[in-house]
C-alpha atoms as a PDB file:
ATOM      1  CA  MET A   1    -245.908 -72.431 -51.790  1.00  0.00           C
ATOM      2  CA  ASN A   2    -242.960 -74.729 -51.991  1.00  0.00           C
ATOM      3  CA  GLY A   3    -239.674 -73.829 -50.255  1.00  0.00           C
ATOM      4  CA  THR A   4    -237.690 -76.259 -52.395  1.00  0.00           C
ATOM      5  CA  VAL A   5    -238.030 -74.154 -55.588  1.00  0.00           C
ATOM      6  CA  ARG A   6    -235.838 -71.046 -55.841  1.00  0.00           C
ATOM      7  CA  ASP A   7    -238.355 -69.153 -58.037  1.00  0.00           C
ATOM      8  CA  ASN A   8    -240.809 -69.157 -55.088  1.00  0.00           C
ATOM      9  CA  VAL A   9    -238.286 -67.412 -52.805  1.00  0.00           C
ATOM     10  CA  LYS A  10    -237.888 -63.621 -52.847  1.00  0.00           C
ATOM     11  CA  LYS A  11    -236.080 -61.221 -50.535  1.00  0.00           C
ATOM     12  CA  GLY A  12    -238.465 -59.767 -47.961  1.00  0.00           C
ATOM     13  CA  ILE A  13    -240.898 -62.687 -47.713  1.00  0.00           C
ATOM     14  CA  LYS A  14    -241.733 -64.331 -44.379  1.00  0.00           C
ATOM     15  CA  VAL A  15    -240.638 -67.956 -44.049  1.00  0.00           C
ATOM     16  CA  LYS A  16    -239.998 -70.721 -41.541  1.00  0.00           C
ATOM     17  CA  VAL A  17    -236.561 -72.331 -41.755  1.00  0.00           C
ATOM     18  CA  VAL A  18    -234.820 -75.240 -40.082  1.00  0.00           C
ATOM     19  CA  GLN A  19    -231.301 -74.462 -38.876  1.00  0.00           C
ATOM     20  CA  LYS A  20    -228.502 -77.042 -39.241  1.00  0.00           C
ATOM     21  CA  GLN A  21    -228.444 -77.801 -35.494  1.00  0.00           C
ATOM     22  CA  ASP A  22    -232.258 -78.234 -35.445  1.00  0.00           C
ATOM     23  CA  GLN A  23    -232.526 -80.729 -38.318  1.00  0.00           C
ATOM     24  CA  LYS A  24    -232.912 -83.729 -35.978  1.00  0.00           C
ATOM     25  CA  THR A  25    -235.713 -82.115 -33.945  1.00  0.00           C
ATOM     26  CA  GLY A  26    -237.328 -80.271 -36.863  1.00  0.00           C
ATOM     27  CA  LYS A  27    -237.584 -77.037 -34.825  1.00  0.00           C
ATOM     28  CA  LEU A  28    -238.572 -74.167 -37.142  1.00  0.00           C
ATOM     29  CA  THR A  29    -237.490 -70.535 -36.889  1.00  0.00           C
ATOM     30  CA  GLU A  30    -239.602 -67.762 -38.436  1.00  0.00           C
ATOM     31  CA  GLY A  31    -238.126 -64.713 -40.130  1.00  0.00           C
ATOM     32  CA  ILE A  32    -237.801 -62.472 -43.179  1.00  0.00           C
ATOM     33  CA  VAL A  33    -235.510 -63.489 -46.066  1.00  0.00           C
ATOM     34  CA  LYS A  34    -232.480 -61.189 -46.425  1.00  0.00           C
ATOM     35  CA  ASP A  35    -230.283 -63.266 -48.788  1.00  0.00           C
ATOM     36  CA  ILE A  36    -230.841 -66.366 -50.927  1.00  0.00           C
ATOM     37  CA  LEU A  37    -227.809 -68.650 -50.545  1.00  0.00           C
ATOM     38  CA  THR A  38    -228.748 -71.596 -52.796  1.00  0.00           C
ATOM     39  CA  ASN A  39    -227.767 -71.053 -56.438  1.00  0.00           C
ATOM     40  CA  SER A  40    -229.523 -74.069 -57.984  1.00  0.00           C
ATOM     41  CA  ARG A  41    -233.160 -73.819 -59.141  1.00  0.00           C
ATOM     42  CA  LYS A  42    -234.314 -76.605 -56.785  1.00  0.00           C
ATOM     43  CA  HIS A  43    -233.050 -78.254 -53.622  1.00  0.00           C
ATOM     44  CA  HIS A  44    -234.891 -81.235 -52.131  1.00  0.00           C
ATOM     45  CA  HIS A  45    -234.138 -80.174 -48.507  1.00  0.00           C
ATOM     46  CA  GLY A  46    -235.229 -76.569 -49.105  1.00  0.00           C
ATOM     47  CA  ILE A  47    -233.609 -73.400 -50.435  1.00  0.00           C
ATOM     48  CA  LYS A  48    -230.933 -72.092 -48.054  1.00  0.00           C
ATOM     49  CA  VAL A  49    -231.429 -68.481 -46.977  1.00  0.00           C
ATOM     50  CA  ARG A  50    -230.097 -65.929 -44.496  1.00  0.00           C
ATOM     51  CA  LEU A  51    -232.810 -64.201 -42.484  1.00  0.00           C
ATOM     52  CA  GLU A  52    -232.684 -60.533 -41.442  1.00  0.00           C
ATOM     53  CA  SER A  53    -231.778 -61.779 -37.946  1.00  0.00           C
ATOM     54  CA  GLY A  54    -228.611 -63.397 -39.384  1.00  0.00           C
ATOM     55  CA  ILE A  55    -229.920 -66.959 -38.969  1.00  0.00           C
ATOM     56  CA  VAL A  56    -229.105 -69.323 -41.851  1.00  0.00           C
ATOM     57  CA  GLY A  57    -231.382 -72.243 -42.623  1.00  0.00           C
ATOM     58  CA  ARG A  58    -233.336 -74.149 -45.236  1.00  0.00           C
ATOM     59  CA  ILE A  59    -236.913 -73.076 -45.997  1.00  0.00           C
ATOM     60  CA  LYS A  60    -239.581 -75.499 -44.805  1.00  0.00           C
ATOM     61  CA  GLU A  61    -242.582 -73.141 -45.107  1.00  0.00           C
ATOM     62  CA  ILE A  62    -243.355 -69.950 -47.001  1.00  0.00           C
ATOM     63  CA  LEU A  63    -245.862 -67.885 -45.017  1.00  0.00           C
END
């Protein structure tokens, strides 16, 4: 599934996100979606979410 389309993202799903400070290295962080922060239907860098751990990042993979 594609993390750039908001319709694919639901609260409670497991994802891998890239945090702002990790964009250069591409380091991914895994977690469960708590809140969806992007309002638009699509975003070419990935939908921005807040994970249950409090981490904010853009979805790179939906697991």
